[in-house]
Amino acid sequence: METLPKISVVTVCLNAAPMLEKTLASVEAQDYGNIESIVVDGGSTDSTKQVVAKFGHVVSKYVSEKDRGIYDAMNKGVGMASGDYCIFLNAGDTFAASDVVKRAFEACPETPPDVVYGDVVKLKPNGG
């Protein structure tokens, strides 16, 4: 692909500040040049707003308001997205490496695909 497609990373959360910080750090670490990060917060009462402010250079769009659950929040995020592709990376989730997005789109053929997907690795609290 000649031009890097824009990737919208949508993160939904509710009272998950420490997990959100981990997720936003993972987005920040990506070495892909065309990412927007969108945080949809369901009206948290913890330090979520401070975490978003800390990562203000990473977070492109942010909303904090009561919603009707995780799928409503995800739909809000998609509505806010301006990317060619949308990735859901919820609070606590991380990319496996700093070059994951770059490798996924380097592997795409000349004609952009409708869907790009990868594997998920679930780690246990003990790291296993």
N, C-alpha and C. Protein backbone atom coordinates (compact mmCIF):
# COMPACT_ATOMS: atom_id res chain seq x y z
N MET A 1 0.84 -1.17 0.00
CA MET A 1 0.00 0.00 0.00
C MET A 1 0.89 1.24 0.00
N GLU A 2 0.59 2.17 -0.88
CA GLU A 2 1.39 3.39 -0.95
C GLU A 2 1.20 4.28 0.26
N THR A 3 -0.04 4.62 0.57
CA THR A 3 -0.34 5.47 1.71
C THR A 3 -0.77 4.60 2.87
N LEU A 4 -0.30 4.95 4.05
CA LEU A 4 -0.70 4.18 5.22
C LEU A 4 -2.17 4.44 5.52
N PRO A 5 -2.97 3.39 5.59
CA PRO A 5 -4.37 3.61 5.97
C PRO A 5 -4.44 4.12 7.41
N LYS A 6 -5.42 4.94 7.68
CA LYS A 6 -5.61 5.46 9.04
C LYS A 6 -6.29 4.40 9.88
N ILE A 7 -5.74 4.17 11.06
CA ILE A 7 -6.26 3.16 11.97
C ILE A 7 -6.87 3.88 13.18
N SER A 8 -8.12 3.60 13.46
CA SER A 8 -8.79 4.13 14.64
C SER A 8 -8.78 3.05 15.72
N VAL A 9 -8.13 3.33 16.82
CA VAL A 9 -8.09 2.40 17.95
C VAL A 9 -9.13 2.89 18.96
N VAL A 10 -10.18 2.11 19.15
CA VAL A 10 -11.27 2.47 20.06
C VAL A 10 -11.09 1.71 21.37
N THR A 11 -11.04 2.48 22.46
CA THR A 11 -10.91 1.89 23.79
C THR A 11 -12.10 2.32 24.62
N VAL A 12 -12.86 1.36 25.13
CA VAL A 12 -13.99 1.65 26.01
C VAL A 12 -13.60 1.26 27.43
N CYS A 13 -14.12 2.04 28.38
CA CYS A 13 -13.75 1.76 29.77
C CYS A 13 -14.80 2.31 30.72
N LEU A 14 -14.73 1.84 31.94
CA LEU A 14 -15.54 2.36 33.05
C LEU A 14 -14.79 2.04 34.34
N ASN A 15 -14.33 3.07 35.02
CA ASN A 15 -13.59 2.92 36.28
C ASN A 15 -12.46 1.91 36.15
N ALA A 16 -11.63 2.11 35.14
CA ALA A 16 -10.54 1.18 34.85
C ALA A 16 -9.23 1.94 34.60
N ALA A 17 -8.98 2.99 35.38
CA ALA A 17 -7.84 3.87 35.13
C ALA A 17 -6.50 3.14 34.99
N PRO A 18 -6.12 2.25 35.90
CA PRO A 18 -4.82 1.58 35.74
C PRO A 18 -4.75 0.73 34.46
N MET A 19 -5.84 0.10 34.13
CA MET A 19 -5.86 -0.72 32.91
C MET A 19 -5.84 0.17 31.67
N LEU A 20 -6.53 1.31 31.72
CA LEU A 20 -6.54 2.24 30.60
C LEU A 20 -5.14 2.78 30.35
N GLU A 21 -4.41 3.06 31.42
CA GLU A 21 -3.04 3.56 31.28
C GLU A 21 -2.17 2.55 30.53
N LYS A 22 -2.30 1.29 30.88
CA LYS A 22 -1.56 0.22 30.22
C LYS A 22 -1.90 0.17 28.73
N THR A 23 -3.17 0.29 28.42
CA THR A 23 -3.63 0.23 27.03
C THR A 23 -3.12 1.42 26.23
N LEU A 24 -3.24 2.63 26.78
CA LEU A 24 -2.80 3.82 26.06
C LEU A 24 -1.28 3.82 25.87
N ALA A 25 -0.54 3.28 26.83
CA ALA A 25 0.91 3.15 26.66
C ALA A 25 1.23 2.22 25.49
N SER A 26 0.43 1.19 25.33
CA SER A 26 0.62 0.26 24.22
C SER A 26 0.33 0.92 22.88
N VAL A 27 -0.71 1.74 22.83
CA VAL A 27 -1.02 2.48 21.60
C VAL A 27 0.12 3.46 21.31
N GLU A 28 0.57 4.16 22.34
CA GLU A 28 1.67 5.13 22.18
C GLU A 28 2.93 4.47 21.62
N ALA A 29 3.17 3.23 22.00
CA ALA A 29 4.40 2.52 21.59
C ALA A 29 4.38 2.04 20.14
N GLN A 30 3.23 2.07 19.49
CA GLN A 30 3.16 1.59 18.10
C GLN A 30 4.02 2.45 17.19
N ASP A 31 4.75 1.80 16.31
CA ASP A 31 5.61 2.53 15.38
C ASP A 31 4.93 2.70 14.02
N TYR A 32 3.65 2.80 14.04
CA TYR A 32 2.83 3.01 12.84
C TYR A 32 2.44 4.48 12.81
N GLY A 33 2.59 5.12 11.68
CA GLY A 33 2.46 6.56 11.61
C GLY A 33 1.08 7.16 11.41
N ASN A 34 0.03 6.35 11.36
CA ASN A 34 -1.28 6.92 11.07
C ASN A 34 -2.36 6.29 11.96
N ILE A 35 -2.27 6.57 13.26
CA ILE A 35 -3.20 6.01 14.24
C ILE A 35 -3.92 7.14 14.97
N GLU A 36 -5.22 6.97 15.17
CA GLU A 36 -5.94 7.84 16.10
C GLU A 36 -6.45 6.96 17.23
N SER A 37 -6.39 7.50 18.45
CA SER A 37 -6.84 6.77 19.62
C SER A 37 -8.10 7.45 20.14
N ILE A 38 -9.14 6.66 20.33
CA ILE A 38 -10.44 7.16 20.79
C ILE A 38 -10.77 6.46 22.10
N VAL A 39 -11.06 7.24 23.13
CA VAL A 39 -11.45 6.68 24.42
C VAL A 39 -12.90 7.03 24.69
N VAL A 40 -13.71 6.00 24.93
CA VAL A 40 -15.12 6.18 25.27
C VAL A 40 -15.28 5.67 26.70
N ASP A 41 -15.50 6.61 27.62
CA ASP A 41 -15.60 6.31 29.03
C ASP A 41 -17.07 6.40 29.45
N GLY A 42 -17.54 5.42 30.15
CA GLY A 42 -18.93 5.37 30.56
C GLY A 42 -19.28 6.24 31.76
N GLY A 43 -18.47 7.26 32.04
CA GLY A 43 -18.75 8.15 33.16
C GLY A 43 -18.02 7.73 34.42
N SER A 44 -16.77 7.37 34.29
CA SER A 44 -15.97 6.88 35.42
C SER A 44 -15.89 7.88 36.56
N THR A 45 -15.78 7.33 37.77
CA THR A 45 -15.60 8.16 38.97
C THR A 45 -14.21 7.97 39.57
N ASP A 46 -13.35 7.23 38.90
CA ASP A 46 -11.97 7.04 39.36
C ASP A 46 -11.08 8.07 38.66
N SER A 47 -9.82 7.77 38.47
CA SER A 47 -8.88 8.73 37.87
C SER A 47 -8.75 8.58 36.35
N THR A 48 -9.77 8.05 35.71
CA THR A 48 -9.73 7.86 34.25
C THR A 48 -9.44 9.17 33.52
N LYS A 49 -10.08 10.24 33.92
CA LYS A 49 -9.89 11.54 33.25
C LYS A 49 -8.43 11.99 33.34
N GLN A 50 -7.78 11.74 34.46
CA GLN A 50 -6.37 12.10 34.62
C GLN A 50 -5.47 11.25 33.72
N VAL A 51 -5.81 9.98 33.58
CA VAL A 51 -5.03 9.10 32.69
C VAL A 51 -5.16 9.60 31.25
N VAL A 52 -6.37 9.94 30.84
CA VAL A 52 -6.57 10.45 29.48
C VAL A 52 -5.76 11.74 29.30
N ALA A 53 -5.75 12.61 30.30
CA ALA A 53 -4.98 13.85 30.21
C ALA A 53 -3.48 13.56 30.10
N LYS A 54 -3.01 12.56 30.85
CA LYS A 54 -1.60 12.17 30.80
C LYS A 54 -1.21 11.72 29.39
N PHE A 55 -2.13 11.07 28.70
CA PHE A 55 -1.88 10.58 27.35
C PHE A 55 -2.57 11.46 26.30
N GLY A 56 -2.71 12.74 26.61
CA GLY A 56 -3.37 13.67 25.70
C GLY A 56 -2.70 13.75 24.34
N HIS A 57 -1.40 13.48 24.28
CA HIS A 57 -0.68 13.48 23.01
C HIS A 57 -0.98 12.22 22.19
N VAL A 58 -1.60 11.23 22.82
CA VAL A 58 -1.95 9.98 22.14
C VAL A 58 -3.45 9.94 21.82
N VAL A 59 -4.26 10.40 22.75
CA VAL A 59 -5.72 10.32 22.61
C VAL A 59 -6.21 11.44 21.69
N SER A 60 -6.80 11.05 20.58
CA SER A 60 -7.32 12.01 19.60
C SER A 60 -8.71 12.50 19.97
N LYS A 61 -9.53 11.58 20.49
CA LYS A 61 -10.92 11.91 20.82
C LYS A 61 -11.27 11.21 22.12
N TYR A 62 -12.06 11.91 22.95
CA TYR A 62 -12.42 11.38 24.26
C TYR A 62 -13.81 11.86 24.63
N VAL A 63 -14.62 10.94 25.13
CA VAL A 63 -15.93 11.29 25.65
C VAL A 63 -16.12 10.52 26.96
N SER A 64 -16.71 11.20 27.93
CA SER A 64 -17.04 10.57 29.21
C SER A 64 -18.49 10.89 29.52
N GLU A 65 -19.33 9.88 29.40
CA GLU A 65 -20.76 10.06 29.67
C GLU A 65 -21.38 8.69 29.90
N LYS A 66 -22.45 8.68 30.63
CA LYS A 66 -23.16 7.43 30.88
C LYS A 66 -23.60 6.83 29.55
N ASP A 67 -23.48 5.52 29.46
CA ASP A 67 -23.94 4.82 28.26
C ASP A 67 -24.81 3.64 28.68
N ARG A 68 -25.23 2.87 27.71
CA ARG A 68 -26.11 1.72 27.98
C ARG A 68 -25.33 0.40 27.96
N GLY A 69 -24.05 0.47 28.24
CA GLY A 69 -23.25 -0.75 28.30
C GLY A 69 -22.14 -0.75 27.27
N ILE A 70 -21.36 -1.82 27.30
CA ILE A 70 -20.14 -1.90 26.49
C ILE A 70 -20.41 -1.78 24.99
N TYR A 71 -21.48 -2.38 24.51
CA TYR A 71 -21.73 -2.33 23.06
C TYR A 71 -22.20 -0.95 22.63
N ASP A 72 -22.92 -0.27 23.49
CA ASP A 72 -23.29 1.12 23.20
C ASP A 72 -22.03 1.96 23.13
N ALA A 73 -21.11 1.76 24.08
CA ALA A 73 -19.85 2.50 24.09
C ALA A 73 -19.02 2.19 22.84
N MET A 74 -18.98 0.94 22.44
CA MET A 74 -18.23 0.57 21.24
C MET A 74 -18.83 1.23 20.01
N ASN A 75 -20.15 1.25 19.92
CA ASN A 75 -20.81 1.91 18.80
C ASN A 75 -20.52 3.41 18.79
N LYS A 76 -20.48 4.04 19.97
CA LYS A 76 -20.11 5.46 20.04
C LYS A 76 -18.70 5.66 19.47
N GLY A 77 -17.80 4.77 19.86
CA GLY A 77 -16.42 4.86 19.38
C GLY A 77 -16.33 4.75 17.87
N VAL A 78 -17.07 3.81 17.31
CA VAL A 78 -17.08 3.66 15.85
C VAL A 78 -17.62 4.93 15.20
N GLY A 79 -18.64 5.52 15.80
CA GLY A 79 -19.20 6.75 15.28
C GLY A 79 -18.22 7.92 15.31
N MET A 80 -17.30 7.90 16.25
CA MET A 80 -16.30 8.95 16.38
C MET A 80 -15.08 8.71 15.49
N ALA A 81 -14.92 7.48 15.04
CA ALA A 81 -13.73 7.09 14.28
C ALA A 81 -13.71 7.72 12.90
N SER A 82 -12.52 8.12 12.48
CA SER A 82 -12.34 8.66 11.13
C SER A 82 -11.36 7.83 10.32
N GLY A 83 -10.97 6.69 10.86
CA GLY A 83 -9.99 5.85 10.18
C GLY A 83 -10.57 4.98 9.08
N ASP A 84 -9.66 4.40 8.33
CA ASP A 84 -10.03 3.43 7.29
C ASP A 84 -10.36 2.08 7.91
N TYR A 85 -9.75 1.81 9.07
CA TYR A 85 -9.97 0.57 9.80
C TYR A 85 -10.16 0.92 11.27
N CYS A 86 -10.88 0.06 11.98
CA CYS A 86 -11.18 0.27 13.39
C CYS A 86 -10.73 -0.96 14.18
N ILE A 87 -9.98 -0.72 15.23
CA ILE A 87 -9.52 -1.78 16.13
C ILE A 87 -10.11 -1.51 17.51
N PHE A 88 -10.69 -2.52 18.12
CA PHE A 88 -11.15 -2.40 19.50
C PHE A 88 -10.06 -2.92 20.42
N LEU A 89 -9.54 -2.06 21.25
CA LEU A 89 -8.51 -2.41 22.22
C LEU A 89 -9.01 -1.88 23.55
N ASN A 90 -9.76 -2.71 24.26
CA ASN A 90 -10.43 -2.26 25.48
C ASN A 90 -9.44 -2.05 26.62
N ALA A 91 -9.87 -1.33 27.64
CA ALA A 91 -9.01 -1.04 28.78
C ALA A 91 -8.44 -2.34 29.35
N GLY A 92 -7.13 -2.39 29.46
CA GLY A 92 -6.43 -3.58 29.93
C GLY A 92 -5.82 -4.39 28.80
N ASP A 93 -6.32 -4.21 27.58
CA ASP A 93 -5.76 -4.90 26.42
C ASP A 93 -4.53 -4.15 25.92
N THR A 94 -3.61 -4.88 25.32
CA THR A 94 -2.41 -4.26 24.74
C THR A 94 -2.08 -4.94 23.42
N PHE A 95 -1.31 -4.25 22.60
CA PHE A 95 -0.76 -4.87 21.41
C PHE A 95 0.39 -5.76 21.86
N ALA A 96 0.62 -6.86 21.15
CA ALA A 96 1.65 -7.82 21.54
C ALA A 96 3.06 -7.26 21.38
N ALA A 97 3.23 -6.31 20.48
CA ALA A 97 4.54 -5.70 20.24
C ALA A 97 4.34 -4.32 19.63
N SER A 98 5.39 -3.54 19.61
CA SER A 98 5.28 -2.16 19.12
C SER A 98 5.14 -2.07 17.60
N ASP A 99 5.34 -3.18 16.91
CA ASP A 99 5.24 -3.15 15.45
C ASP A 99 4.06 -3.96 14.90
N VAL A 100 3.11 -4.31 15.75
CA VAL A 100 1.99 -5.15 15.34
C VAL A 100 1.16 -4.51 14.23
N VAL A 101 0.77 -3.26 14.43
CA VAL A 101 -0.07 -2.60 13.42
C VAL A 101 0.72 -2.44 12.12
N LYS A 102 1.95 -2.03 12.23
CA LYS A 102 2.80 -1.86 11.04
C LYS A 102 2.92 -3.17 10.26
N ARG A 103 3.20 -4.26 10.97
CA ARG A 103 3.35 -5.55 10.28
C ARG A 103 2.04 -6.00 9.64
N ALA A 104 0.92 -5.74 10.30
CA ALA A 104 -0.38 -6.14 9.75
C ALA A 104 -0.65 -5.44 8.43
N PHE A 105 -0.29 -4.17 8.34
CA PHE A 105 -0.61 -3.44 7.12
C PHE A 105 0.49 -3.51 6.07
N GLU A 106 1.70 -3.86 6.45
CA GLU A 106 2.73 -4.15 5.46
C GLU A 106 2.39 -5.42 4.70
N ALA A 107 1.70 -6.33 5.36
CA ALA A 107 1.35 -7.62 4.76
C ALA A 107 0.15 -7.53 3.83
N CYS A 108 -0.54 -6.38 3.83
CA CYS A 108 -1.73 -6.24 2.99
C CYS A 108 -1.36 -6.14 1.52
N PRO A 109 -2.20 -6.66 0.68
CA PRO A 109 -1.95 -6.58 -0.76
C PRO A 109 -2.15 -5.14 -1.26
N GLU A 110 -1.83 -4.93 -2.53
CA GLU A 110 -1.96 -3.61 -3.16
C GLU A 110 -3.38 -3.06 -3.00
N THR A 111 -4.38 -3.91 -3.22
CA THR A 111 -5.77 -3.50 -3.04
C THR A 111 -6.14 -3.70 -1.58
N PRO A 112 -6.55 -2.63 -0.89
CA PRO A 112 -6.86 -2.75 0.55
C PRO A 112 -7.97 -3.77 0.81
N PRO A 113 -7.76 -4.64 1.78
CA PRO A 113 -8.79 -5.62 2.13
C PRO A 113 -9.93 -4.98 2.92
N ASP A 114 -11.08 -5.65 2.95
CA ASP A 114 -12.20 -5.17 3.75
C ASP A 114 -11.94 -5.37 5.24
N VAL A 115 -11.27 -6.48 5.57
CA VAL A 115 -11.03 -6.84 6.96
C VAL A 115 -9.58 -7.28 7.12
N VAL A 116 -8.96 -6.85 8.20
CA VAL A 116 -7.63 -7.31 8.57
C VAL A 116 -7.76 -7.86 9.98
N TYR A 117 -7.23 -9.04 10.24
CA TYR A 117 -7.36 -9.61 11.58
C TYR A 117 -6.08 -10.32 11.98
N GLY A 118 -5.96 -10.55 13.27
CA GLY A 118 -4.81 -11.26 13.80
C GLY A 118 -5.24 -12.13 14.95
N ASP A 119 -4.29 -12.82 15.51
CA ASP A 119 -4.56 -13.70 16.64
C ASP A 119 -4.62 -12.91 17.94
N VAL A 120 -5.24 -13.49 18.93
CA VAL A 120 -5.31 -12.92 20.27
C VAL A 120 -4.54 -13.85 21.20
N VAL A 121 -3.74 -13.27 22.06
CA VAL A 121 -3.02 -14.04 23.06
C VAL A 121 -3.53 -13.59 24.41
N LYS A 122 -4.01 -14.52 25.19
CA LYS A 122 -4.51 -14.19 26.53
C LYS A 122 -3.49 -14.65 27.55
N LEU A 123 -3.03 -13.68 28.34
CA LEU A 123 -2.05 -13.98 29.38
C LEU A 123 -2.75 -14.11 30.73
N LYS A 124 -2.30 -15.06 31.51
CA LYS A 124 -2.79 -15.23 32.86
C LYS A 124 -2.08 -14.24 33.78
N PRO A 125 -2.65 -13.94 34.93
CA PRO A 125 -2.00 -12.98 35.85
C PRO A 125 -0.55 -13.35 36.19
N ASN A 126 -0.23 -14.65 36.19
CA ASN A 126 1.12 -15.07 36.49
C ASN A 126 2.05 -15.00 35.28
N GLY A 127 1.53 -14.51 34.15
CA GLY A 127 2.35 -14.36 32.95
C GLY A 127 2.29 -15.56 32.02
N GLY A 128 1.64 -16.61 32.42
CA GLY A 128 1.56 -17.82 31.59
C GLY A 128 0.60 -17.68 30.44
